[in-house]
Amino acid sequence: IGMGMALAALKRYHPESYRGYFSRPVCA
């Protein structure tokens, strides 16, 4: 559950990087 919180922290403090990396289909 803490790893999910880390993902939320990444989205809060680095939203552009978050979208830039995770929006790529290669992540799935």
mmCIF file of all heavy atoms, coordinates in Angstrom:
data_MODEL
# 
_entry.id   MODEL 
# 
loop_
_atom_site.group_PDB 
_atom_site.id 
_atom_site.type_symbol 
_atom_site.label_atom_id 
_atom_site.label_alt_id 
_atom_site.label_comp_id 
_atom_site.label_asym_id 
_atom_site.label_entity_id 
_atom_site.label_seq_id 
_atom_site.pdbx_PDB_ins_code 
_atom_site.Cartn_x 
_atom_site.Cartn_y 
_atom_site.Cartn_z 
_atom_site.occupancy 
_atom_site.B_iso_or_equiv 
_atom_site.pdbx_formal_charge 
_atom_site.auth_seq_id 
_atom_site.auth_comp_id 
_atom_site.auth_asym_id 
_atom_site.auth_atom_id 
_atom_site.pdbx_PDB_model_num 
ATOM 1   N N   . ILE A 1 1  ? 0.843  -1.194 0.000   1.00 0.00 ? 1  ILE A N   1 
ATOM 2   C CA  . ILE A 1 1  ? 0.000  0.000  0.000   1.00 0.00 ? 1  ILE A CA  1 
ATOM 3   C C   . ILE A 1 1  ? 0.878  1.244  0.000   1.00 0.00 ? 1  ILE A C   1 
ATOM 4   O O   . ILE A 1 1  ? 0.553  2.255  -0.639  1.00 0.00 ? 1  ILE A O   1 
ATOM 5   C CB  . ILE A 1 1  ? -0.939 -0.015 1.216   1.00 0.00 ? 1  ILE A CB  1 
ATOM 6   C CG1 . ILE A 1 1  ? -1.715 -1.336 1.274   1.00 0.00 ? 1  ILE A CG1 1 
ATOM 7   C CG2 . ILE A 1 1  ? -1.912 1.157  1.164   1.00 0.00 ? 1  ILE A CG2 1 
ATOM 8   C CD1 . ILE A 1 1  ? -2.617 -1.475 2.478   1.00 0.00 ? 1  ILE A CD1 1 
ATOM 9   N N   . GLY A 1 2  ? 2.020  1.185  0.694   1.00 0.00 ? 2  GLY A N   1 
ATOM 10  C CA  . GLY A 1 2  ? 2.949  2.305  0.693   1.00 0.00 ? 2  GLY A CA  1 
ATOM 11  C C   . GLY A 1 2  ? 3.489  2.621  -0.689  1.00 0.00 ? 2  GLY A C   1 
ATOM 12  O O   . GLY A 1 2  ? 3.740  3.795  -1.015  1.00 0.00 ? 2  GLY A O   1 
ATOM 13  N N   . MET A 1 3  ? 3.681  1.610  -1.529  1.00 0.00 ? 3  MET A N   1 
ATOM 14  C CA  . MET A 1 3  ? 4.135  1.868  -2.896  1.00 0.00 ? 3  MET A CA  1 
ATOM 15  C C   . MET A 1 3  ? 3.080  2.650  -3.675  1.00 0.00 ? 3  MET A C   1 
ATOM 16  O O   . MET A 1 3  ? 3.411  3.502  -4.502  1.00 0.00 ? 3  MET A O   1 
ATOM 17  C CB  . MET A 1 3  ? 4.447  0.551  -3.603  1.00 0.00 ? 3  MET A CB  1 
ATOM 18  C CG  . MET A 1 3  ? 5.676  -0.142 -3.089  1.00 0.00 ? 3  MET A CG  1 
ATOM 19  S SD  . MET A 1 3  ? 6.065  -1.630 -4.048  1.00 0.00 ? 3  MET A SD  1 
ATOM 20  C CE  . MET A 1 3  ? 7.339  -2.356 -3.022  1.00 0.00 ? 3  MET A CE  1 
ATOM 21  N N   . GLY A 1 4  ? 1.817  2.361  -3.416  1.00 0.00 ? 4  GLY A N   1 
ATOM 22  C CA  . GLY A 1 4  ? 0.755  3.158  -4.034  1.00 0.00 ? 4  GLY A CA  1 
ATOM 23  C C   . GLY A 1 4  ? 0.810  4.602  -3.578  1.00 0.00 ? 4  GLY A C   1 
ATOM 24  O O   . GLY A 1 4  ? 0.581  5.531  -4.361  1.00 0.00 ? 4  GLY A O   1 
ATOM 25  N N   . MET A 1 5  ? 1.134  4.815  -2.295  1.00 0.00 ? 5  MET A N   1 
ATOM 26  C CA  . MET A 1 5  ? 1.306  6.175  -1.793  1.00 0.00 ? 5  MET A CA  1 
ATOM 27  C C   . MET A 1 5  ? 2.481  6.876  -2.470  1.00 0.00 ? 5  MET A C   1 
ATOM 28  O O   . MET A 1 5  ? 2.432  8.077  -2.763  1.00 0.00 ? 5  MET A O   1 
ATOM 29  C CB  . MET A 1 5  ? 1.507  6.163  -0.281  1.00 0.00 ? 5  MET A CB  1 
ATOM 30  C CG  . MET A 1 5  ? 0.296  5.771  0.519   1.00 0.00 ? 5  MET A CG  1 
ATOM 31  S SD  . MET A 1 5  ? 0.603  5.925  2.302   1.00 0.00 ? 5  MET A SD  1 
ATOM 32  C CE  . MET A 1 5  ? 0.849  7.700  2.474   1.00 0.00 ? 5  MET A CE  1 
ATOM 33  N N   . ALA A 1 6  ? 3.559  6.134  -2.730  1.00 0.00 ? 6  ALA A N   1 
ATOM 34  C CA  . ALA A 1 6  ? 4.705  6.715  -3.430  1.00 0.00 ? 6  ALA A CA  1 
ATOM 35  C C   . ALA A 1 6  ? 4.311  7.158  -4.839  1.00 0.00 ? 6  ALA A C   1 
ATOM 36  O O   . ALA A 1 6  ? 4.747  8.217  -5.316  1.00 0.00 ? 6  ALA A O   1 
ATOM 37  C CB  . ALA A 1 6  ? 5.841  5.699  -3.490  1.00 0.00 ? 6  ALA A CB  1 
ATOM 38  N N   . LEU A 1 7  ? 3.468  6.372  -5.492  1.00 0.00 ? 7  LEU A N   1 
ATOM 39  C CA  . LEU A 1 7  ? 2.978  6.762  -6.823  1.00 0.00 ? 7  LEU A CA  1 
ATOM 40  C C   . LEU A 1 7  ? 2.154  8.044  -6.736  1.00 0.00 ? 7  LEU A C   1 
ATOM 41  O O   . LEU A 1 7  ? 2.259  8.928  -7.594  1.00 0.00 ? 7  LEU A O   1 
ATOM 42  C CB  . LEU A 1 7  ? 2.148  5.625  -7.409  1.00 0.00 ? 7  LEU A CB  1 
ATOM 43  C CG  . LEU A 1 7  ? 1.692  5.784  -8.865  1.00 0.00 ? 7  LEU A CG  1 
ATOM 44  C CD1 . LEU A 1 7  ? 2.902  5.778  -9.807  1.00 0.00 ? 7  LEU A CD1 1 
ATOM 45  C CD2 . LEU A 1 7  ? 0.727  4.656  -9.249  1.00 0.00 ? 7  LEU A CD2 1 
ATOM 46  N N   . ALA A 1 8  ? 1.332  8.160  -5.678  1.00 0.00 ? 8  ALA A N   1 
ATOM 47  C CA  . ALA A 1 8  ? 0.544  9.382  -5.480  1.00 0.00 ? 8  ALA A CA  1 
ATOM 48  C C   . ALA A 1 8  ? 1.446  10.582 -5.217  1.00 0.00 ? 8  ALA A C   1 
ATOM 49  O O   . ALA A 1 8  ? 1.176  11.695 -5.688  1.00 0.00 ? 8  ALA A O   1 
ATOM 50  C CB  . ALA A 1 8  ? -0.437 9.185  -4.326  1.00 0.00 ? 8  ALA A CB  1 
ATOM 51  N N   . ALA A 1 9  ? 2.527  10.378 -4.469  1.00 0.00 ? 9  ALA A N   1 
ATOM 52  C CA  . ALA A 1 9  ? 3.467  11.473 -4.209  1.00 0.00 ? 9  ALA A CA  1 
ATOM 53  C C   . ALA A 1 9  ? 4.150  11.920 -5.484  1.00 0.00 ? 9  ALA A C   1 
ATOM 54  O O   . ALA A 1 9  ? 4.359  13.131 -5.709  1.00 0.00 ? 9  ALA A O   1 
ATOM 55  C CB  . ALA A 1 9  ? 4.504  11.027 -3.172  1.00 0.00 ? 9  ALA A CB  1 
ATOM 56  N N   . LEU A 1 10 ? 4.513  10.981 -6.331  1.00 0.00 ? 10 LEU A N   1 
ATOM 57  C CA  . LEU A 1 10 ? 5.132  11.331 -7.614  1.00 0.00 ? 10 LEU A CA  1 
ATOM 58  C C   . LEU A 1 10 ? 4.176  12.164 -8.466  1.00 0.00 ? 10 LEU A C   1 
ATOM 59  O O   . LEU A 1 10 ? 4.586  13.156 -9.091  1.00 0.00 ? 10 LEU A O   1 
ATOM 60  C CB  . LEU A 1 10 ? 5.530  10.057 -8.354  1.00 0.00 ? 10 LEU A CB  1 
ATOM 61  C CG  . LEU A 1 10 ? 6.225  10.251 -9.704  1.00 0.00 ? 10 LEU A CG  1 
ATOM 62  C CD1 . LEU A 1 10 ? 7.542  10.985 -9.537  1.00 0.00 ? 10 LEU A CD1 1 
ATOM 63  C CD2 . LEU A 1 10 ? 6.447  8.902  -10.390 1.00 0.00 ? 10 LEU A CD2 1 
ATOM 64  N N   . LYS A 1 11 ? 2.905  11.785 -8.471  1.00 0.00 ? 11 LYS A N   1 
ATOM 65  C CA  . LYS A 1 11 ? 1.935  12.546 -9.249  1.00 0.00 ? 11 LYS A CA  1 
ATOM 66  C C   . LYS A 1 11 ? 1.731  13.938 -8.668  1.00 0.00 ? 11 LYS A C   1 
ATOM 67  O O   . LYS A 1 11 ? 1.557  14.914 -9.417  1.00 0.00 ? 11 LYS A O   1 
ATOM 68  C CB  . LYS A 1 11 ? 0.598  11.793 -9.284  1.00 0.00 ? 11 LYS A CB  1 
ATOM 69  C CG  . LYS A 1 11 ? -0.481 12.506 -10.093 1.00 0.00 ? 11 LYS A CG  1 
ATOM 70  C CD  . LYS A 1 11 ? -1.765 11.700 -10.148 1.00 0.00 ? 11 LYS A CD  1 
ATOM 71  C CE  . LYS A 1 11 ? -2.814 12.434 -10.986 1.00 0.00 ? 11 LYS A CE  1 
ATOM 72  N NZ  . LYS A 1 11 ? -4.085 11.663 -11.079 1.00 0.00 ? 11 LYS A NZ  1 
ATOM 73  N N   . ARG A 1 12 ? 1.757  14.071 -7.359  1.00 0.00 ? 12 ARG A N   1 
ATOM 74  C CA  . ARG A 1 12 ? 1.521  15.378 -6.725  1.00 0.00 ? 12 ARG A CA  1 
ATOM 75  C C   . ARG A 1 12 ? 2.679  16.344 -6.963  1.00 0.00 ? 12 ARG A C   1 
ATOM 76  O O   . ARG A 1 12 ? 2.462  17.503 -7.325  1.00 0.00 ? 12 ARG A O   1 
ATOM 77  C CB  . ARG A 1 12 ? 1.312  15.192 -5.216  1.00 0.00 ? 12 ARG A CB  1 
ATOM 78  C CG  . ARG A 1 12 ? 1.193  16.508 -4.438  1.00 0.00 ? 12 ARG A CG  1 
ATOM 79  C CD  . ARG A 1 12 ? 1.025  16.243 -2.958  1.00 0.00 ? 12 ARG A CD  1 
ATOM 80  N NE  . ARG A 1 12 ? 1.068  17.466 -2.168  1.00 0.00 ? 12 ARG A NE  1 
ATOM 81  C CZ  . ARG A 1 12 ? 0.016  18.222 -1.886  1.00 0.00 ? 12 ARG A CZ  1 
ATOM 82  N NH1 . ARG A 1 12 ? -1.176 17.867 -2.349  1.00 0.00 ? 12 ARG A NH1 1 
ATOM 83  N NH2 . ARG A 1 12 ? 0.130  19.305 -1.154  1.00 0.00 ? 12 ARG A NH2 1 
ATOM 84  N N   . TYR A 1 13 ? 3.898  15.866 -6.801  1.00 0.00 ? 13 TYR A N   1 
ATOM 85  C CA  . TYR A 1 13 ? 5.039  16.773 -6.814  1.00 0.00 ? 13 TYR A CA  1 
ATOM 86  C C   . TYR A 1 13 ? 5.730  16.873 -8.183  1.00 0.00 ? 13 TYR A C   1 
ATOM 87  O O   . TYR A 1 13 ? 6.475  17.828 -8.414  1.00 0.00 ? 13 TYR A O   1 
ATOM 88  C CB  . TYR A 1 13 ? 6.054  16.346 -5.754  1.00 0.00 ? 13 TYR A CB  1 
ATOM 89  C CG  . TYR A 1 13 ? 5.512  16.477 -4.350  1.00 0.00 ? 13 TYR A CG  1 
ATOM 90  C CD1 . TYR A 1 13 ? 5.208  15.362 -3.587  1.00 0.00 ? 13 TYR A CD1 1 
ATOM 91  C CD2 . TYR A 1 13 ? 5.281  17.735 -3.794  1.00 0.00 ? 13 TYR A CD2 1 
ATOM 92  C CE1 . TYR A 1 13 ? 4.706  15.487 -2.300  1.00 0.00 ? 13 TYR A CE1 1 
ATOM 93  C CE2 . TYR A 1 13 ? 4.769  17.866 -2.511  1.00 0.00 ? 13 TYR A CE2 1 
ATOM 94  C CZ  . TYR A 1 13 ? 4.487  16.740 -1.772  1.00 0.00 ? 13 TYR A CZ  1 
ATOM 95  O OH  . TYR A 1 13 ? 3.972  16.866 -0.502  1.00 0.00 ? 13 TYR A OH  1 
ATOM 96  N N   . HIS A 1 14 ? 5.480  15.892 -9.048  1.00 0.00 ? 14 HIS A N   1 
ATOM 97  C CA  . HIS A 1 14 ? 6.089  15.930 -10.383 1.00 0.00 ? 14 HIS A CA  1 
ATOM 98  C C   . HIS A 1 14 ? 5.051  15.514 -11.429 1.00 0.00 ? 14 HIS A C   1 
ATOM 99  O O   . HIS A 1 14 ? 5.213  14.488 -12.100 1.00 0.00 ? 14 HIS A O   1 
ATOM 100 C CB  . HIS A 1 14 ? 7.307  15.013 -10.437 1.00 0.00 ? 14 HIS A CB  1 
ATOM 101 C CG  . HIS A 1 14 ? 8.366  15.362 -9.425  1.00 0.00 ? 14 HIS A CG  1 
ATOM 102 N ND1 . HIS A 1 14 ? 9.277  16.388 -9.620  1.00 0.00 ? 14 HIS A ND1 1 
ATOM 103 C CD2 . HIS A 1 14 ? 8.629  14.840 -8.203  1.00 0.00 ? 14 HIS A CD2 1 
ATOM 104 C CE1 . HIS A 1 14 ? 10.071 16.477 -8.569  1.00 0.00 ? 14 HIS A CE1 1 
ATOM 105 N NE2 . HIS A 1 14 ? 9.703  15.559 -7.689  1.00 0.00 ? 14 HIS A NE2 1 
ATOM 106 N N   . PRO A 1 15 ? 3.982  16.287 -11.569 1.00 0.00 ? 15 PRO A N   1 
ATOM 107 C CA  . PRO A 1 15 ? 2.887  15.868 -12.453 1.00 0.00 ? 15 PRO A CA  1 
ATOM 108 C C   . PRO A 1 15 ? 3.290  15.736 -13.917 1.00 0.00 ? 15 PRO A C   1 
ATOM 109 O O   . PRO A 1 15 ? 2.823  14.832 -14.610 1.00 0.00 ? 15 PRO A O   1 
ATOM 110 C CB  . PRO A 1 15 ? 1.833  16.969 -12.253 1.00 0.00 ? 15 PRO A CB  1 
ATOM 111 C CG  . PRO A 1 15 ? 2.598  18.149 -11.732 1.00 0.00 ? 15 PRO A CG  1 
ATOM 112 C CD  . PRO A 1 15 ? 3.706  17.587 -10.922 1.00 0.00 ? 15 PRO A CD  1 
ATOM 113 N N   . GLU A 1 16 ? 4.150  16.623 -14.404 1.00 0.00 ? 16 GLU A N   1 
ATOM 114 C CA  . GLU A 1 16 ? 4.549  16.552 -15.802 1.00 0.00 ? 16 GLU A CA  1 
ATOM 115 C C   . GLU A 1 16 ? 5.366  15.298 -16.079 1.00 0.00 ? 16 GLU A C   1 
ATOM 116 O O   . GLU A 1 16 ? 5.145  14.588 -17.063 1.00 0.00 ? 16 GLU A O   1 
ATOM 117 C CB  . GLU A 1 16 ? 5.344  17.809 -16.181 1.00 0.00 ? 16 GLU A CB  1 
ATOM 118 C CG  . GLU A 1 16 ? 4.545  19.107 -16.092 1.00 0.00 ? 16 GLU A CG  1 
ATOM 119 C CD  . GLU A 1 16 ? 3.336  19.091 -17.020 1.00 0.00 ? 16 GLU A CD  1 
ATOM 120 O OE1 . GLU A 1 16 ? 3.425  18.457 -18.104 1.00 0.00 ? 16 GLU A OE1 1 
ATOM 121 O OE2 . GLU A 1 16 ? 2.312  19.696 -16.663 1.00 0.00 ? 16 GLU A OE2 1 
ATOM 122 N N   . SER A 1 17 ? 6.317  15.015 -15.201 1.00 0.00 ? 17 SER A N   1 
ATOM 123 C CA  . SER A 1 17 ? 7.116  13.799 -15.363 1.00 0.00 ? 17 SER A CA  1 
ATOM 124 C C   . SER A 1 17 ? 6.250  12.554 -15.220 1.00 0.00 ? 17 SER A C   1 
ATOM 125 O O   . SER A 1 17 ? 6.421  11.563 -15.937 1.00 0.00 ? 17 SER A O   1 
ATOM 126 C CB  . SER A 1 17 ? 8.250  13.775 -14.341 1.00 0.00 ? 17 SER A CB  1 
ATOM 127 O OG  . SER A 1 17 ? 9.119  14.870 -14.516 1.00 0.00 ? 17 SER A OG  1 
ATOM 128 N N   . TYR A 1 18 ? 5.312  12.621 -14.287 1.00 0.00 ? 18 TYR A N   1 
ATOM 129 C CA  . TYR A 1 18 ? 4.394  11.493 -14.074 1.00 0.00 ? 18 TYR A CA  1 
ATOM 130 C C   . TYR A 1 18 ? 3.627  11.177 -15.357 1.00 0.00 ? 18 TYR A C   1 
ATOM 131 O O   . TYR A 1 18 ? 3.603  10.034 -15.816 1.00 0.00 ? 18 TYR A O   1 
ATOM 132 C CB  . TYR A 1 18 ? 3.439  11.841 -12.932 1.00 0.00 ? 18 TYR A CB  1 
ATOM 133 C CG  . TYR A 1 18 ? 2.348  10.824 -12.672 1.00 0.00 ? 18 TYR A CG  1 
ATOM 134 C CD1 . TYR A 1 18 ? 2.575  9.729  -11.841 1.00 0.00 ? 18 TYR A CD1 1 
ATOM 135 C CD2 . TYR A 1 18 ? 1.083  10.969 -13.243 1.00 0.00 ? 18 TYR A CD2 1 
ATOM 136 C CE1 . TYR A 1 18 ? 1.579  8.803  -11.597 1.00 0.00 ? 18 TYR A CE1 1 
ATOM 137 C CE2 . TYR A 1 18 ? 0.089  10.050 -13.003 1.00 0.00 ? 18 TYR A CE2 1 
ATOM 138 C CZ  . TYR A 1 18 ? 0.335  8.972  -12.178 1.00 0.00 ? 18 TYR A CZ  1 
ATOM 139 O OH  . TYR A 1 18 ? -0.660 8.050  -11.937 1.00 0.00 ? 18 TYR A OH  1 
ATOM 140 N N   . ARG A 1 19 ? 3.022  12.193 -15.943 1.00 0.00 ? 19 ARG A N   1 
ATOM 141 C CA  . ARG A 1 19 ? 2.267  11.962 -17.178 1.00 0.00 ? 19 ARG A CA  1 
ATOM 142 C C   . ARG A 1 19 ? 3.192  11.578 -18.322 1.00 0.00 ? 19 ARG A C   1 
ATOM 143 O O   . ARG A 1 19 ? 2.855  10.740 -19.158 1.00 0.00 ? 19 ARG A O   1 
ATOM 144 C CB  . ARG A 1 19 ? 1.458  13.206 -17.535 1.00 0.00 ? 19 ARG A CB  1 
ATOM 145 C CG  . ARG A 1 19 ? 0.251  13.440 -16.642 1.00 0.00 ? 19 ARG A CG  1 
ATOM 146 C CD  . ARG A 1 19 ? -0.665 14.500 -17.226 1.00 0.00 ? 19 ARG A CD  1 
ATOM 147 N NE  . ARG A 1 19 ? 0.011  15.808 -17.275 1.00 0.00 ? 19 ARG A NE  1 
ATOM 148 C CZ  . ARG A 1 19 ? -0.045 16.698 -16.296 1.00 0.00 ? 19 ARG A CZ  1 
ATOM 149 N NH1 . ARG A 1 19 ? -0.719 16.423 -15.193 1.00 0.00 ? 19 ARG A NH1 1 
ATOM 150 N NH2 . ARG A 1 19 ? 0.575  17.857 -16.401 1.00 0.00 ? 19 ARG A NH2 1 
ATOM 151 N N   . GLY A 1 20 ? 4.359  12.212 -18.373 1.00 0.00 ? 20 GLY A N   1 
ATOM 152 C CA  . GLY A 1 20 ? 5.270  11.931 -19.478 1.00 0.00 ? 20 GLY A CA  1 
ATOM 153 C C   . GLY A 1 20 ? 5.750  10.496 -19.512 1.00 0.00 ? 20 GLY A C   1 
ATOM 154 O O   . GLY A 1 20 ? 5.854  9.889  -20.583 1.00 0.00 ? 20 GLY A O   1 
ATOM 155 N N   . TYR A 1 21 ? 6.038  9.939  -18.351 1.00 0.00 ? 21 TYR A N   1 
ATOM 156 C CA  . TYR A 1 21 ? 6.543  8.568  -18.295 1.00 0.00 ? 21 TYR A CA  1 
ATOM 157 C C   . TYR A 1 21 ? 5.420  7.538  -18.358 1.00 0.00 ? 21 TYR A C   1 
ATOM 158 O O   . TYR A 1 21 ? 5.482  6.576  -19.136 1.00 0.00 ? 21 TYR A O   1 
ATOM 159 C CB  . TYR A 1 21 ? 7.366  8.362  -17.028 1.00 0.00 ? 21 TYR A CB  1 
ATOM 160 C CG  . TYR A 1 21 ? 8.728  9.014  -17.072 1.00 0.00 ? 21 TYR A CG  1 
ATOM 161 C CD1 . TYR A 1 21 ? 9.034  10.077 -16.239 1.00 0.00 ? 21 TYR A CD1 1 
ATOM 162 C CD2 . TYR A 1 21 ? 9.706  8.566  -17.957 1.00 0.00 ? 21 TYR A CD2 1 
ATOM 163 C CE1 . TYR A 1 21 ? 10.276 10.683 -16.274 1.00 0.00 ? 21 TYR A CE1 1 
ATOM 164 C CE2 . TYR A 1 21 ? 10.952 9.170  -18.001 1.00 0.00 ? 21 TYR A CE2 1 
ATOM 165 C CZ  . TYR A 1 21 ? 11.233 10.235 -17.159 1.00 0.00 ? 21 TYR A CZ  1 
ATOM 166 O OH  . TYR A 1 21 ? 12.468 10.831 -17.203 1.00 0.00 ? 21 TYR A OH  1 
ATOM 167 N N   . PHE A 1 22 ? 4.401  7.721  -17.550 1.00 0.00 ? 22 PHE A N   1 
ATOM 168 C CA  . PHE A 1 22 ? 3.404  6.659  -17.400 1.00 0.00 ? 22 PHE A CA  1 
ATOM 169 C C   . PHE A 1 22 ? 2.351  6.634  -18.497 1.00 0.00 ? 22 PHE A C   1 
ATOM 170 O O   . PHE A 1 22 ? 1.638  5.636  -18.627 1.00 0.00 ? 22 PHE A O   1 
ATOM 171 C CB  . PHE A 1 22 ? 2.725  6.771  -16.032 1.00 0.00 ? 22 PHE A CB  1 
ATOM 172 C CG  . PHE A 1 22 ? 3.587  6.342  -14.889 1.00 0.00 ? 22 PHE A CG  1 
ATOM 173 C CD1 . PHE A 1 22 ? 4.045  7.262  -13.956 1.00 0.00 ? 22 PHE A CD1 1 
ATOM 174 C CD2 . PHE A 1 22 ? 3.967  5.021  -14.736 1.00 0.00 ? 22 PHE A CD2 1 
ATOM 175 C CE1 . PHE A 1 22 ? 4.855  6.875  -12.905 1.00 0.00 ? 22 PHE A CE1 1 
ATOM 176 C CE2 . PHE A 1 22 ? 4.769  4.618  -13.689 1.00 0.00 ? 22 PHE A CE2 1 
ATOM 177 C CZ  . PHE A 1 22 ? 5.216  5.548  -12.763 1.00 0.00 ? 22 PHE A CZ  1 
ATOM 178 N N   . SER A 1 23 ? 2.199  7.686  -19.262 1.00 0.00 ? 23 SER A N   1 
ATOM 179 C CA  . SER A 1 23 ? 1.183  7.687  -20.309 1.00 0.00 ? 23 SER A CA  1 
ATOM 180 C C   . SER A 1 23 ? 1.599  6.877  -21.531 1.00 0.00 ? 23 SER A C   1 
ATOM 181 O O   . SER A 1 23 ? 0.794  6.680  -22.448 1.00 0.00 ? 23 SER A O   1 
ATOM 182 C CB  . SER A 1 23 ? 0.881  9.132  -20.745 1.00 0.00 ? 23 SER A CB  1 
ATOM 183 O OG  . SER A 1 23 ? 2.047  9.755  -21.268 1.00 0.00 ? 23 SER A OG  1 
ATOM 184 N N   . ARG A 1 24 ? 2.813  6.385  -21.552 1.00 0.00 ? 24 ARG A N   1 
ATOM 185 C CA  . ARG A 1 24 ? 3.296  5.606  -22.693 1.00 0.00 ? 24 ARG A CA  1 
ATOM 186 C C   . ARG A 1 24 ? 2.777  4.166  -22.615 1.00 0.00 ? 24 ARG A C   1 
ATOM 187 O O   . ARG A 1 24 ? 2.887  3.515  -21.570 1.00 0.00 ? 24 ARG A O   1 
ATOM 188 C CB  . ARG A 1 24 ? 4.818  5.603  -22.716 1.00 0.00 ? 24 ARG A CB  1 
ATOM 189 C CG  . ARG A 1 24 ? 5.427  6.998  -22.807 1.00 0.00 ? 24 ARG A CG  1 
ATOM 190 C CD  . ARG A 1 24 ? 6.921  6.944  -22.627 1.00 0.00 ? 24 ARG A CD  1 
ATOM 191 N NE  . ARG A 1 24 ? 7.504  8.295  -22.641 1.00 0.00 ? 24 ARG A NE  1 
ATOM 192 C CZ  . ARG A 1 24 ? 8.780  8.548  -22.443 1.00 0.00 ? 24 ARG A CZ  1 
ATOM 193 N NH1 . ARG A 1 24 ? 9.625  7.547  -22.208 1.00 0.00 ? 24 ARG A NH1 1 
ATOM 194 N NH2 . ARG A 1 24 ? 9.223  9.797  -22.472 1.00 0.00 ? 24 ARG A NH2 1 
ATOM 195 N N   . PRO A 1 25 ? 2.251  3.621  -23.720 1.00 0.00 ? 25 PRO A N   1 
ATOM 196 C CA  . PRO A 1 25 ? 1.743  2.237  -23.698 1.00 0.00 ? 25 PRO A CA  1 
ATOM 197 C C   . PRO A 1 25 ? 2.789  1.209  -23.319 1.00 0.00 ? 25 PRO A C   1 
ATOM 198 O O   . PRO A 1 25 ? 2.458  0.134  -22.813 1.00 0.00 ? 25 PRO A O   1 
ATOM 199 C CB  . PRO A 1 25 ? 1.254  2.027  -25.141 1.00 0.00 ? 25 PRO A CB  1 
ATOM 200 C CG  . PRO A 1 25 ? 0.972  3.394  -25.658 1.00 0.00 ? 25 PRO A CG  1 
ATOM 201 C CD  . PRO A 1 25 ? 1.979  4.296  -25.002 1.00 0.00 ? 25 PRO A CD  1 
ATOM 202 N N   . VAL A 1 26 ? 4.071  1.533  -23.536 1.00 0.00 ? 26 VAL A N   1 
ATOM 203 C CA  . VAL A 1 26 ? 5.110  0.570  -23.177 1.00 0.00 ? 26 VAL A CA  1 
ATOM 204 C C   . VAL A 1 26 ? 5.088  0.256  -21.684 1.00 0.00 ? 26 VAL A C   1 
ATOM 205 O O   . VAL A 1 26 ? 5.493  -0.831 -21.259 1.00 0.00 ? 26 VAL A O   1 
ATOM 206 C CB  . VAL A 1 26 ? 6.497  1.118  -23.613 1.00 0.00 ? 26 VAL A CB  1 
ATOM 207 C CG1 . VAL A 1 26 ? 6.895  2.338  -22.783 1.00 0.00 ? 26 VAL A CG1 1 
ATOM 208 C CG2 . VAL A 1 26 ? 7.562  0.030  -23.505 1.00 0.00 ? 26 VAL A CG2 1 
ATOM 209 N N   . CYS A 1 27 ? 4.587  1.207  -20.873 1.00 0.00 ? 27 CYS A N   1 
ATOM 210 C CA  . CYS A 1 27 ? 4.486  0.948  -19.432 1.00 0.00 ? 27 CYS A CA  1 
ATOM 211 C C   . CYS A 1 27 ? 3.543  -0.205 -19.149 1.00 0.00 ? 27 CYS A C   1 
ATOM 212 O O   . CYS A 1 27 ? 3.826  -1.062 -18.294 1.00 0.00 ? 27 CYS A O   1 
ATOM 213 C CB  . CYS A 1 27 ? 4.025  2.208  -18.705 1.00 0.00 ? 27 CYS A CB  1 
ATOM 214 S SG  . CYS A 1 27 ? 5.267  3.503  -18.610 1.00 0.00 ? 27 CYS A SG  1 
ATOM 215 N N   . ALA A 1 28 ? 2.403  -0.239 -19.847 1.00 0.00 ? 28 ALA A N   1 
ATOM 216 C CA  . ALA A 1 28 ? 1.455  -1.334 -19.647 1.00 0.00 ? 28 ALA A CA  1 
ATOM 217 C C   . ALA A 1 28 ? 2.070  -2.662 -20.079 1.00 0.00 ? 28 ALA A C   1 
ATOM 218 O O   . ALA A 1 28 ? 1.917  -3.688 -19.394 1.00 0.00 ? 28 ALA A O   1 
ATOM 219 C CB  . ALA A 1 28 ? 0.175  -1.057 -20.428 1.00 0.00 ? 28 ALA A CB  1 
# 
